[in-house]
Amino acid sequence: MIDSKHVPNAIRSPRGADSTEIDWADGHKGIYPHTILRGYCPCAGCQGHSGTISFIPNVGTALEIDDIQPVGNYALQITWFDGHGSGLYTYLFLRSLCQCQACRGPHGETIPRV
């Protein structure tokens, strides 16, 4: 059974936006700046094959999302305007990247704890 914490109800990423919002089934509203999403792209081309995901600054010049597609019932595939789109962002991983006020650290840190 999938935890409702990891099930998106709605995804908003309008053209030209610099962040994406996800409404989760447990009522949480996640905020995802595109610099964070792109910097933490989980694909092997960006992260290598070590299994560890680290923030890669300036990994791509395109910070506008062209398309978002669900992958099964566990992930999203994000395609950026430069054509990069091989990373699968699991719902569990996306929740860890949330940058809303409630998820940020006590001092307002904006780097996710992954």
PDB file of N, CA and C in Angstrom:
ATOM      1  N   MET A   1       0.837  -1.180   0.000  1.00  0.00           N
ATOM      2  CA  MET A   1       0.000   0.000   0.000  1.00  0.00           C
ATOM      3  C   MET A   1       0.886   1.249   0.000  1.00  0.00           C
ATOM      4  N   ILE A   2       0.510   2.233  -0.806  1.00  0.00           N
ATOM      5  CA  ILE A   2       1.288   3.457  -0.933  1.00  0.00           C
ATOM      6  C   ILE A   2       0.850   4.451   0.145  1.00  0.00           C
ATOM      7  N   ASP A   3       1.807   5.034   0.842  1.00  0.00           N
ATOM      8  CA  ASP A   3       1.550   6.060   1.848  1.00  0.00           C
ATOM      9  C   ASP A   3       1.026   7.308   1.146  1.00  0.00           C
ATOM     10  N   SER A   4      -0.079   7.900   1.646  1.00  0.00           N
ATOM     11  CA  SER A   4      -0.660   9.084   1.007  1.00  0.00           C
ATOM     12  C   SER A   4       0.308  10.254   0.982  1.00  0.00           C
ATOM     13  N   LYS A   5       1.319  10.205   1.829  1.00  0.00           N
ATOM     14  CA  LYS A   5       2.349  11.252   1.822  1.00  0.00           C
ATOM     15  C   LYS A   5       3.096  11.274   0.490  1.00  0.00           C
ATOM     16  N   HIS A   6       3.061  10.154  -0.211  1.00  0.00           N
ATOM     17  CA  HIS A   6       3.815  10.021  -1.452  1.00  0.00           C
ATOM     18  C   HIS A   6       2.922   9.857  -2.680  1.00  0.00           C
ATOM     19  N   VAL A   7       1.721  10.448  -2.625  1.00  0.00           N
ATOM     20  CA  VAL A   7       0.804  10.385  -3.762  1.00  0.00           C
ATOM     21  C   VAL A   7       0.405  11.816  -4.128  1.00  0.00           C
ATOM     22  N   PRO A   8       0.758  12.269  -5.329  1.00  0.00           N
ATOM     23  CA  PRO A   8       0.360  13.627  -5.717  1.00  0.00           C
ATOM     24  C   PRO A   8      -1.094  13.672  -6.184  1.00  0.00           C
ATOM     25  N   ASN A   9      -1.808  14.720  -5.781  1.00  0.00           N
ATOM     26  CA  ASN A   9      -3.183  14.948  -6.259  1.00  0.00           C
ATOM     27  C   ASN A   9      -3.192  15.893  -7.445  1.00  0.00           C
ATOM     28  N   ALA A  10      -2.313  16.906  -7.411  1.00  0.00           N
ATOM     29  CA  ALA A  10      -2.274  17.914  -8.482  1.00  0.00           C
ATOM     30  C   ALA A  10      -0.849  18.426  -8.623  1.00  0.00           C
ATOM     31  N   ILE A  11      -0.483  18.728  -9.862  1.00  0.00           N
ATOM     32  CA  ILE A  11       0.848  19.271 -10.161  1.00  0.00           C
ATOM     33  C   ILE A  11       0.645  20.526 -10.993  1.00  0.00           C
ATOM     34  N   ARG A  12       1.248  21.635 -10.548  1.00  0.00           N
ATOM     35  CA  ARG A  12       1.150  22.898 -11.274  1.00  0.00           C
ATOM     36  C   ARG A  12       2.553  23.376 -11.632  1.00  0.00           C
ATOM     37  N   SER A  13       2.777  23.540 -12.935  1.00  0.00           N
ATOM     38  CA  SER A  13       4.053  24.041 -13.430  1.00  0.00           C
ATOM     39  C   SER A  13       3.788  24.842 -14.703  1.00  0.00           C
ATOM     40  N   PRO A  14       3.245  26.060 -14.548  1.00  0.00           N
ATOM     41  CA  PRO A  14       2.884  26.841 -15.737  1.00  0.00           C
ATOM     42  C   PRO A  14       4.105  27.244 -16.562  1.00  0.00           C
ATOM     43  N   ARG A  15       3.896  27.422 -17.842  1.00  0.00           N
ATOM     44  CA  ARG A  15       4.974  27.885 -18.737  1.00  0.00           C
ATOM     45  C   ARG A  15       5.579  29.167 -18.189  1.00  0.00           C
ATOM     46  N   GLY A  16       6.877  29.249 -18.211  1.00  0.00           N
ATOM     47  CA  GLY A  16       7.581  30.434 -17.756  1.00  0.00           C
ATOM     48  C   GLY A  16       7.804  30.502 -16.262  1.00  0.00           C
ATOM     49  N   ALA A  17       7.230  29.569 -15.511  1.00  0.00           N
ATOM     50  CA  ALA A  17       7.384  29.577 -14.052  1.00  0.00           C
ATOM     51  C   ALA A  17       8.795  29.153 -13.665  1.00  0.00           C
ATOM     52  N   ASP A  18       9.216  29.586 -12.477  1.00  0.00           N
ATOM     53  CA  ASP A  18      10.527  29.165 -11.981  1.00  0.00           C
ATOM     54  C   ASP A  18      10.404  28.142 -10.857  1.00  0.00           C
ATOM     55  N   SER A  19       9.176  27.693 -10.592  1.00  0.00           N
ATOM     56  CA  SER A  19       8.968  26.632  -9.605  1.00  0.00           C
ATOM     57  C   SER A  19       7.721  25.834  -9.978  1.00  0.00           C
ATOM     58  N   THR A  20       7.646  24.645  -9.408  1.00  0.00           N
ATOM     59  CA  THR A  20       6.522  23.745  -9.602  1.00  0.00           C
ATOM     60  C   THR A  20       5.901  23.498  -8.237  1.00  0.00           C
ATOM     61  N   GLU A  21       4.582  23.377  -8.196  1.00  0.00           N
ATOM     62  CA  GLU A  21       3.882  23.073  -6.954  1.00  0.00           C
ATOM     63  C   GLU A  21       3.192  21.724  -7.096  1.00  0.00           C
ATOM     64  N   ILE A  22       3.243  20.949  -6.010  1.00  0.00           N
ATOM     65  CA  ILE A  22       2.574  19.651  -5.984  1.00  0.00           C
ATOM     66  C   ILE A  22       1.697  19.600  -4.742  1.00  0.00           C
ATOM     67  N   ASP A  23       0.413  19.295  -4.951  1.00  0.00           N
ATOM     68  CA  ASP A  23      -0.503  19.042  -3.842  1.00  0.00           C
ATOM     69  C   ASP A  23      -0.486  17.545  -3.591  1.00  0.00           C
ATOM     70  N   TRP A  24      -0.096  17.159  -2.373  1.00  0.00           N
ATOM     71  CA  TRP A  24       0.003  15.756  -2.014  1.00  0.00           C
ATOM     72  C   TRP A  24      -1.284  15.290  -1.344  1.00  0.00           C
ATOM     73  N   ALA A  25      -1.565  13.995  -1.417  1.00  0.00           N
ATOM     74  CA  ALA A  25      -2.807  13.429  -0.896  1.00  0.00           C
ATOM     75  C   ALA A  25      -2.966  13.613   0.610  1.00  0.00           C
ATOM     76  N   ASP A  26      -1.872  13.807   1.325  1.00  0.00           N
ATOM     77  CA  ASP A  26      -1.973  14.014   2.781  1.00  0.00           C
ATOM     78  C   ASP A  26      -2.234  15.474   3.140  1.00  0.00           C
ATOM     79  N   GLY A  27      -2.454  16.341   2.120  1.00  0.00           N
ATOM     80  CA  GLY A  27      -2.760  17.746   2.368  1.00  0.00           C
ATOM     81  C   GLY A  27      -1.569  18.680   2.250  1.00  0.00           C
ATOM     82  N   HIS A  28      -0.380  18.146   2.128  1.00  0.00           N
ATOM     83  CA  HIS A  28       0.817  18.976   2.013  1.00  0.00           C
ATOM     84  C   HIS A  28       0.886  19.631   0.635  1.00  0.00           C
ATOM     85  N   LYS A  29       1.285  20.899   0.606  1.00  0.00           N
ATOM     86  CA  LYS A  29       1.493  21.606  -0.664  1.00  0.00           C
ATOM     87  C   LYS A  29       2.996  21.826  -0.821  1.00  0.00           C
ATOM     88  N   GLY A  30       3.608  21.079  -1.712  1.00  0.00           N
ATOM     89  CA  GLY A  30       5.044  21.163  -1.920  1.00  0.00           C
ATOM     90  C   GLY A  30       5.420  22.230  -2.934  1.00  0.00           C
ATOM     91  N   ILE A  31       6.546  22.888  -2.681  1.00  0.00           N
ATOM     92  CA  ILE A  31       7.078  23.908  -3.581  1.00  0.00           C
ATOM     93  C   ILE A  31       8.472  23.463  -4.021  1.00  0.00           C
ATOM     94  N   TYR A  32       8.689  23.461  -5.342  1.00  0.00           N
ATOM     95  CA  TYR A  32       9.915  22.929  -5.925  1.00  0.00           C
ATOM     96  C   TYR A  32      10.521  23.921  -6.904  1.00  0.00           C
ATOM     97  N   PRO A  33      11.461  24.763  -6.452  1.00  0.00           N
ATOM     98  CA  PRO A  33      12.139  25.662  -7.398  1.00  0.00           C
ATOM     99  C   PRO A  33      12.851  24.832  -8.468  1.00  0.00           C
ATOM    100  N   HIS A  34      12.805  25.307  -9.693  1.00  0.00           N
ATOM    101  CA  HIS A  34      13.412  24.556 -10.789  1.00  0.00           C
ATOM    102  C   HIS A  34      14.921  24.426 -10.639  1.00  0.00           C
ATOM    103  N   THR A  35      15.561  25.377  -9.967  1.00  0.00           N
ATOM    104  CA  THR A  35      17.002  25.234  -9.733  1.00  0.00           C
ATOM    105  C   THR A  35      17.282  24.006  -8.870  1.00  0.00           C
ATOM    106  N   ILE A  36      16.401  23.725  -7.912  1.00  0.00           N
ATOM    107  CA  ILE A  36      16.560  22.541  -7.057  1.00  0.00           C
ATOM    108  C   ILE A  36      16.261  21.275  -7.854  1.00  0.00           C
ATOM    109  N   LEU A  37      15.139  21.268  -8.581  1.00  0.00           N
ATOM    110  CA  LEU A  37      14.792  20.077  -9.362  1.00  0.00           C
ATOM    111  C   LEU A  37      15.879  19.729 -10.369  1.00  0.00           C
ATOM    112  N   ARG A  38      16.373  20.727 -11.082  1.00  0.00           N
ATOM    113  CA  ARG A  38      17.399  20.450 -12.104  1.00  0.00           C
ATOM    114  C   ARG A  38      18.724  20.075 -11.451  1.00  0.00           C
ATOM    115  N   GLY A  39      19.086  20.763 -10.382  1.00  0.00           N
ATOM    116  CA  GLY A  39      20.345  20.469  -9.697  1.00  0.00           C
ATOM    117  C   GLY A  39      20.393  19.091  -9.070  1.00  0.00           C
ATOM    118  N   TYR A  40      19.234  18.574  -8.686  1.00  0.00           N
ATOM    119  CA  TYR A  40      19.147  17.236  -8.109  1.00  0.00           C
ATOM    120  C   TYR A  40      18.619  16.209  -9.105  1.00  0.00           C
ATOM    121  N   CYS A  41      18.765  16.486 -10.394  1.00  0.00           N
ATOM    122  CA  CYS A  41      18.299  15.526 -11.401  1.00  0.00           C
ATOM    123  C   CYS A  41      18.903  14.152 -11.088  1.00  0.00           C
ATOM    124  N   PRO A  42      18.049  13.130 -10.940  1.00  0.00           N
ATOM    125  CA  PRO A  42      18.559  11.827 -10.514  1.00  0.00           C
ATOM    126  C   PRO A  42      19.100  10.934 -11.631  1.00  0.00           C
ATOM    127  N   CYS A  43      19.165  11.425 -12.863  1.00  0.00           N
ATOM    128  CA  CYS A  43      19.608  10.548 -13.947  1.00  0.00           C
ATOM    129  C   CYS A  43      21.102  10.229 -13.824  1.00  0.00           C
ATOM    130  N   ALA A  44      21.513   9.140 -14.438  1.00  0.00           N
ATOM    131  CA  ALA A  44      22.912   8.709 -14.396  1.00  0.00           C
ATOM    132  C   ALA A  44      23.828   9.701 -15.106  1.00  0.00           C
ATOM    133  N   GLY A  45      23.314  10.387 -16.135  1.00  0.00           N
ATOM    134  CA  GLY A  45      24.126  11.380 -16.833  1.00  0.00           C
ATOM    135  C   GLY A  45      24.521  12.537 -15.934  1.00  0.00           C
ATOM    136  N   CYS A  46      23.639  12.911 -15.031  1.00  0.00           N
ATOM    137  CA  CYS A  46      23.926  14.021 -14.108  1.00  0.00           C
ATOM    138  C   CYS A  46      24.631  13.529 -12.844  1.00  0.00           C
ATOM    139  N   GLN A  47      24.247  12.370 -12.346  1.00  0.00           N
ATOM    140  CA  GLN A  47      24.712  11.906 -11.038  1.00  0.00           C
ATOM    141  C   GLN A  47      25.767  10.809 -11.099  1.00  0.00           C
ATOM    142  N   GLY A  48      25.964  10.212 -12.247  1.00  0.00           N
ATOM    143  CA  GLY A  48      26.880   9.078 -12.315  1.00  0.00           C
ATOM    144  C   GLY A  48      26.163   7.813 -11.864  1.00  0.00           C
ATOM    145  N   HIS A  49      26.927   6.803 -11.537  1.00  0.00           N
ATOM    146  CA  HIS A  49      26.355   5.496 -11.204  1.00  0.00           C
ATOM    147  C   HIS A  49      26.611   5.085  -9.761  1.00  0.00           C
ATOM    148  N   SER A  50      26.936   6.042  -8.892  1.00  0.00           N
ATOM    149  CA  SER A  50      27.274   5.699  -7.514  1.00  0.00           C
ATOM    150  C   SER A  50      26.055   5.385  -6.656  1.00  0.00           C
ATOM    151  N   GLY A  51      24.873   5.853  -7.066  1.00  0.00           N
ATOM    152  CA  GLY A  51      23.677   5.657  -6.253  1.00  0.00           C
ATOM    153  C   GLY A  51      23.422   6.810  -5.295  1.00  0.00           C
ATOM    154  N   THR A  52      24.399   7.695  -5.141  1.00  0.00           N
ATOM    155  CA  THR A  52      24.257   8.866  -4.286  1.00  0.00           C
ATOM    156  C   THR A  52      23.839  10.053  -5.147  1.00  0.00           C
ATOM    157  N   ILE A  53      22.835  10.784  -4.689  1.00  0.00           N
ATOM    158  CA  ILE A  53      22.371  11.955  -5.428  1.00  0.00           C
ATOM    159  C   ILE A  53      22.830  13.204  -4.700  1.00  0.00           C
ATOM    160  N   SER A  54      23.561  14.048  -5.420  1.00  0.00           N
ATOM    161  CA  SER A  54      24.088  15.295  -4.877  1.00  0.00           C
ATOM    162  C   SER A  54      23.619  16.455  -5.731  1.00  0.00           C
ATOM    163  N   PHE A  55      23.598  17.637  -5.139  1.00  0.00           N
ATOM    164  CA  PHE A  55      23.231  18.831  -5.887  1.00  0.00           C
ATOM    165  C   PHE A  55      24.357  19.186  -6.846  1.00  0.00           C
ATOM    166  N   ILE A  56      24.015  19.346  -8.119  1.00  0.00           N
ATOM    167  CA  ILE A  56      24.980  19.720  -9.146  1.00  0.00           C
ATOM    168  C   ILE A  56      24.613  21.135  -9.600  1.00  0.00           C
ATOM    169  N   PRO A  57      25.350  22.152  -9.154  1.00  0.00           N
ATOM    170  CA  PRO A  57      25.000  23.518  -9.552  1.00  0.00           C
ATOM    171  C   PRO A  57      25.216  23.729 -11.042  1.00  0.00           C
ATOM    172  N   ASN A  58      24.322  24.500 -11.641  1.00  0.00           N
ATOM    173  CA  ASN A  58      24.423  24.855 -13.062  1.00  0.00           C
ATOM    174  C   ASN A  58      24.531  23.641 -13.960  1.00  0.00           C
ATOM    175  N   VAL A  59      23.823  22.561 -13.610  1.00  0.00           N
ATOM    176  CA  VAL A  59      23.903  21.336 -14.403  1.00  0.00           C
ATOM    177  C   VAL A  59      23.308  21.535 -15.799  1.00  0.00           C
ATOM    178  N   GLY A  60      22.396  22.450 -15.920  1.00  0.00           N
ATOM    179  CA  GLY A  60      21.806  22.721 -17.223  1.00  0.00           C
ATOM    180  C   GLY A  60      21.385  24.171 -17.311  1.00  0.00           C
ATOM    181  N   THR A  61      21.338  24.665 -18.512  1.00  0.00           N
ATOM    182  CA  THR A  61      20.955  26.062 -18.677  1.00  0.00           C
ATOM    183  C   THR A  61      19.446  26.229 -18.736  1.00  0.00           C
ATOM    184  N   ALA A  62      18.725  25.175 -19.069  1.00  0.00           N
ATOM    185  CA  ALA A  62      17.273  25.266 -19.172  1.00  0.00           C
ATOM    186  C   ALA A  62      16.644  24.994 -17.814  1.00  0.00           C
ATOM    187  N   LEU A  63      16.023  26.012 -17.244  1.00  0.00           N
ATOM    188  CA  LEU A  63      15.343  25.839 -15.970  1.00  0.00           C
ATOM    189  C   LEU A  63      13.833  25.946 -16.139  1.00  0.00           C
ATOM    190  N   GLU A  64      13.378  25.867 -17.387  1.00  0.00           N
ATOM    191  CA  GLU A  64      11.948  25.855 -17.643  1.00  0.00           C
ATOM    192  C   GLU A  64      11.555  24.438 -18.039  1.00  0.00           C
ATOM    193  N   ILE A  65      10.472  23.981 -17.443  1.00  0.00           N
ATOM    194  CA  ILE A  65       9.993  22.629 -17.713  1.00  0.00           C
ATOM    195  C   ILE A  65       9.128  22.626 -18.963  1.00  0.00           C
ATOM    196  N   ASP A  66       9.415  21.687 -19.859  1.00  0.00           N
ATOM    197  CA  ASP A  66       8.643  21.523 -21.082  1.00  0.00           C
ATOM    198  C   ASP A  66       7.475  20.564 -20.864  1.00  0.00           C
ATOM    199  N   ASP A  67       7.707  19.492 -20.076  1.00  0.00           N
ATOM    200  CA  ASP A  67       6.669  18.485 -19.892  1.00  0.00           C
ATOM    201  C   ASP A  67       6.919  17.710 -18.602  1.00  0.00           C
ATOM    202  N   ILE A  68       5.829  17.287 -17.983  1.00  0.00           N
ATOM    203  CA  ILE A  68       5.883  16.409 -16.806  1.00  0.00           C
ATOM    204  C   ILE A  68       4.930  15.260 -17.065  1.00  0.00           C
ATOM    205  N   GLN A  69       5.441  14.035 -16.952  1.00  0.00           N
ATOM    206  CA  GLN A  69       4.619  12.850 -17.184  1.00  0.00           C
ATOM    207  C   GLN A  69       4.755  11.892 -16.004  1.00  0.00           C
ATOM    208  N   PRO A  70       3.647  11.300 -15.563  1.00  0.00           N
ATOM    209  CA  PRO A  70       3.744  10.277 -14.519  1.00  0.00           C
ATOM    210  C   PRO A  70       4.393   9.018 -15.070  1.00  0.00           C
ATOM    211  N   VAL A  71       5.123   8.327 -14.224  1.00  0.00           N
ATOM    212  CA  VAL A  71       5.724   7.044 -14.565  1.00  0.00           C
ATOM    213  C   VAL A  71       5.161   6.037 -13.570  1.00  0.00           C
ATOM    214  N   GLY A  72       4.275   5.174 -14.058  1.00  0.00           N
ATOM    215  CA  GLY A  72       3.594   4.243 -13.155  1.00  0.00           C
ATOM    216  C   GLY A  72       2.880   5.019 -12.057  1.00  0.00           C
ATOM    217  N   ASN A  73       2.919   4.472 -10.850  1.00  0.00           N
ATOM    218  CA  ASN A  73       2.326   5.164  -9.712  1.00  0.00           C
ATOM    219  C   ASN A  73       3.389   5.518  -8.673  1.00  0.00           C
ATOM    220  N   TYR A  74       4.628   5.788  -9.171  1.00  0.00           N
ATOM    221  CA  TYR A  74       5.714   6.021  -8.233  1.00  0.00           C
ATOM    222  C   TYR A  74       6.629   7.191  -8.574  1.00  0.00           C
ATOM    223  N   ALA A  75       6.510   7.790  -9.764  1.00  0.00           N
ATOM    224  CA  ALA A  75       7.495   8.801 -10.158  1.00  0.00           C
ATOM    225  C   ALA A  75       6.939   9.758 -11.204  1.00  0.00           C
ATOM    226  N   LEU A  76       7.703  10.842 -11.409  1.00  0.00           N
ATOM    227  CA  LEU A  76       7.450  11.783 -12.493  1.00  0.00           C
ATOM    228  C   LEU A  76       8.682  11.850 -13.376  1.00  0.00           C
ATOM    229  N   GLN A  77       8.462  11.965 -14.668  1.00  0.00           N
ATOM    230  CA  GLN A  77       9.556  12.223 -15.600  1.00  0.00           C
ATOM    231  C   GLN A  77       9.421  13.678 -16.031  1.00  0.00           C
ATOM    232  N   ILE A  78      10.454  14.458 -15.747  1.00  0.00           N
ATOM    233  CA  ILE A  78      10.456  15.881 -16.080  1.00  0.00           C
ATOM    234  C   ILE A  78      11.344  16.080 -17.301  1.00  0.00           C
ATOM    235  N   THR A  79      10.788  16.740 -18.314  1.00  0.00           N
ATOM    236  CA  THR A  79      11.558  17.080 -19.505  1.00  0.00           C
ATOM    237  C   THR A  79      11.739  18.591 -19.525  1.00  0.00           C
ATOM    238  N   TRP A  80      12.997  19.019 -19.615  1.00  0.00           N
ATOM    239  CA  TRP A  80      13.351  20.432 -19.606  1.00  0.00           C
ATOM    240  C   TRP A  80      13.381  20.951 -21.040  1.00  0.00           C
ATOM    241  N   PHE A  81      13.339  22.271 -21.205  1.00  0.00           N
ATOM    242  CA  PHE A  81      13.289  22.860 -22.539  1.00  0.00           C
ATOM    243  C   PHE A  81      14.536  22.587 -23.371  1.00  0.00           C
ATOM    244  N   ASP A  82      15.645  22.200 -22.752  1.00  0.00           N
ATOM    245  CA  ASP A  82      16.824  21.854 -23.548  1.00  0.00           C
ATOM    246  C   ASP A  82      16.788  20.400 -24.009  1.00  0.00           C
ATOM    247  N   GLY A  83      15.672  19.701 -23.719  1.00  0.00           N
ATOM    248  CA  GLY A  83      15.510  18.323 -24.159  1.00  0.00           C
ATOM    249  C   GLY A  83      15.911  17.288 -23.126  1.00  0.00           C
ATOM    250  N   HIS A  84      16.588  17.700 -22.067  1.00  0.00           N
ATOM    251  CA  HIS A  84      17.001  16.756 -21.028  1.00  0.00           C
ATOM    252  C   HIS A  84      15.757  16.223 -20.331  1.00  0.00           C
ATOM    253  N   GLY A  85      15.664  14.895 -20.224  1.00  0.00           N
ATOM    254  CA  GLY A  85      14.471  14.331 -19.626  1.00  0.00           C
ATOM    255  C   GLY A  85      14.617  12.888 -19.200  1.00  0.00           C
ATOM    256  N   SER A  86      15.821  12.454 -18.884  1.00  0.00           N
ATOM    257  CA  SER A  86      16.026  11.044 -18.548  1.00  0.00           C
ATOM    258  C   SER A  86      15.910  10.745 -17.063  1.00  0.00           C
ATOM    259  N   GLY A  87      15.778  11.778 -16.230  1.00  0.00           N
ATOM    260  CA  GLY A  87      15.675  11.547 -14.789  1.00  0.00           C
ATOM    261  C   GLY A  87      14.266  11.205 -14.359  1.00  0.00           C
ATOM    262  N   LEU A  88      14.132  10.172 -13.525  1.00  0.00           N
ATOM    263  CA  LEU A  88      12.850   9.820 -12.930  1.00  0.00           C
ATOM    264  C   LEU A  88      12.874  10.258 -11.472  1.00  0.00           C
ATOM    265  N   TYR A  89      11.979  11.164 -11.137  1.00  0.00           N
ATOM    266  CA  TYR A  89      11.880  11.709  -9.785  1.00  0.00           C
ATOM    267  C   TYR A  89      10.813  10.917  -9.042  1.00  0.00           C
ATOM    268  N   THR A  90      11.220   9.993  -8.174  1.00  0.00           N
ATOM    269  CA  THR A  90      10.225   9.230  -7.429  1.00  0.00           C
ATOM    270  C   THR A  90       9.479  10.180  -6.497  1.00  0.00           C
ATOM    271  N   TYR A  91       8.267   9.786  -6.153  1.00  0.00           N
ATOM    272  CA  TYR A  91       7.481  10.629  -5.256  1.00  0.00           C
ATOM    273  C   TYR A  91       8.170  10.770  -3.906  1.00  0.00           C
ATOM    274  N   LEU A  92       8.788   9.715  -3.428  1.00  0.00           N
ATOM    275  CA  LEU A  92       9.537   9.774  -2.169  1.00  0.00           C
ATOM    276  C   LEU A  92      10.666  10.809  -2.271  1.00  0.00           C
ATOM    277  N   PHE A  93      11.405  10.784  -3.381  1.00  0.00           N
ATOM    278  CA  PHE A  93      12.495  11.728  -3.605  1.00  0.00           C
ATOM    279  C   PHE A  93      11.959  13.154  -3.703  1.00  0.00           C
ATOM    280  N   LEU A  94      10.852  13.343  -4.433  1.00  0.00           N
ATOM    281  CA  LEU A  94      10.274  14.682  -4.557  1.00  0.00           C
ATOM    282  C   LEU A  94       9.887  15.249  -3.201  1.00  0.00           C
ATOM    283  N   ARG A  95       9.304  14.437  -2.343  1.00  0.00           N
ATOM    284  CA  ARG A  95       8.935  14.946  -1.012  1.00  0.00           C
ATOM    285  C   ARG A  95      10.171  15.437  -0.263  1.00  0.00           C
ATOM    286  N   SER A  96      11.300  14.778  -0.439  1.00  0.00           N
ATOM    287  CA  SER A  96      12.528  15.195   0.252  1.00  0.00           C
ATOM    288  C   SER A  96      13.087  16.501  -0.306  1.00  0.00           C
ATOM    289  N   LEU A  97      12.708  16.862  -1.523  1.00  0.00           N
ATOM    290  CA  LEU A  97      13.202  18.086  -2.156  1.00  0.00           C
ATOM    291  C   LEU A  97      12.327  19.302  -1.877  1.00  0.00           C
ATOM    292  N   CYS A  98      11.220  19.134  -1.181  1.00  0.00           N
ATOM    293  CA  CYS A  98      10.271  20.224  -0.961  1.00  0.00           C
ATOM    294  C   CYS A  98      10.947  21.419  -0.287  1.00  0.00           C
ATOM    295  N   GLN A  99      10.634  22.600  -0.797  1.00  0.00           N
ATOM    296  CA  GLN A  99      11.219  23.834  -0.288  1.00  0.00           C
ATOM    297  C   GLN A  99      10.171  24.761   0.335  1.00  0.00           C
ATOM    298  N   CYS A 100       9.003  24.227   0.718  1.00  0.00           N
ATOM    299  CA  CYS A 100       7.996  25.059   1.373  1.00  0.00           C
ATOM    300  C   CYS A 100       8.510  25.470   2.755  1.00  0.00           C
ATOM    301  N   GLN A 101       7.873  26.444   3.350  1.00  0.00           N
ATOM    302  CA  GLN A 101       8.320  26.955   4.645  1.00  0.00           C
ATOM    303  C   GLN A 101       8.340  25.861   5.715  1.00  0.00           C
ATOM    304  N   ALA A 102       7.361  24.963   5.692  1.00  0.00           N
ATOM    305  CA  ALA A 102       7.297  23.901   6.702  1.00  0.00           C
ATOM    306  C   ALA A 102       8.436  22.891   6.561  1.00  0.00           C
ATOM    307  N   CYS A 103       8.929  22.677   5.354  1.00  0.00           N
ATOM    308  CA  CYS A 103       9.969  21.666   5.121  1.00  0.00           C
ATOM    309  C   CYS A 103      11.381  22.213   5.225  1.00  0.00           C
ATOM    310  N   ARG A 104      11.535  23.519   5.155  1.00  0.00           N
ATOM    311  CA  ARG A 104      12.865  24.104   5.257  1.00  0.00           C
ATOM    312  C   ARG A 104      13.353  24.017   6.691  1.00  0.00           C
ATOM    313  N   GLY A 105      14.639  24.082   6.865  1.00  0.00           N
ATOM    314  CA  GLY A 105      15.234  23.967   8.186  1.00  0.00           C
ATOM    315  C   GLY A 105      14.886  25.139   9.089  1.00  0.00           C
ATOM    316  N   PRO A 106      15.245  25.044  10.348  1.00  0.00           N
ATOM    317  CA  PRO A 106      14.902  26.077  11.323  1.00  0.00           C
ATOM    318  C   PRO A 106      15.533  27.438  11.009  1.00  0.00           C
ATOM    319  N   HIS A 107      16.551  27.458  10.195  1.00  0.00           N
ATOM    320  CA  HIS A 107      17.211  28.706   9.836  1.00  0.00           C
ATOM    321  C   HIS A 107      16.909  29.110   8.394  1.00  0.00           C
ATOM    322  N   GLY A 108      15.892  28.477   7.802  1.00  0.00           N
ATOM    323  CA  GLY A 108      15.483  28.832   6.444  1.00  0.00           C
ATOM    324  C   GLY A 108      16.353  28.236   5.364  1.00  0.00           C
ATOM    325  N   GLU A 109      17.097  27.158   5.674  1.00  0.00           N
ATOM    326  CA  GLU A 109      17.944  26.544   4.657  1.00  0.00           C
ATOM    327  C   GLU A 109      17.090  26.136   3.464  1.00  0.00           C
ATOM    328  N   THR A 110      17.636  26.287   2.275  1.00  0.00           N
ATOM    329  CA  THR A 110      16.878  25.921   1.089  1.00  0.00           C
ATOM    330  C   THR A 110      17.451  24.692   0.388  1.00  0.00           C
ATOM    331  N   ILE A 111      18.522  24.148   0.896  1.00  0.00           N
ATOM    332  CA  ILE A 111      19.082  22.932   0.305  1.00  0.00           C
ATOM    333  C   ILE A 111      18.414  21.736   0.943  1.00  0.00           C
ATOM    334  N   PRO A 112      17.834  20.845   0.152  1.00  0.00           N
ATOM    335  CA  PRO A 112      17.102  19.703   0.698  1.00  0.00           C
ATOM    336  C   PRO A 112      17.990  18.754   1.464  1.00  0.00           C
ATOM    337  N   ARG A 113      17.376  18.015   2.314  1.00  0.00           N
ATOM    338  CA  ARG A 113      18.058  16.971   3.104  1.00  0.00           C
ATOM    339  C   ARG A 113      17.764  15.644   2.433  1.00  0.00           C
ATOM    340  N   VAL A 114      18.637  15.237   1.499  1.00  0.00           N
ATOM    341  CA  VAL A 114      18.440  13.969   0.786  1.00  0.00           C
ATOM    342  C   VAL A 114      19.548  13.006   1.140  1.00  0.00           C
TER     343      VAL A 114
END
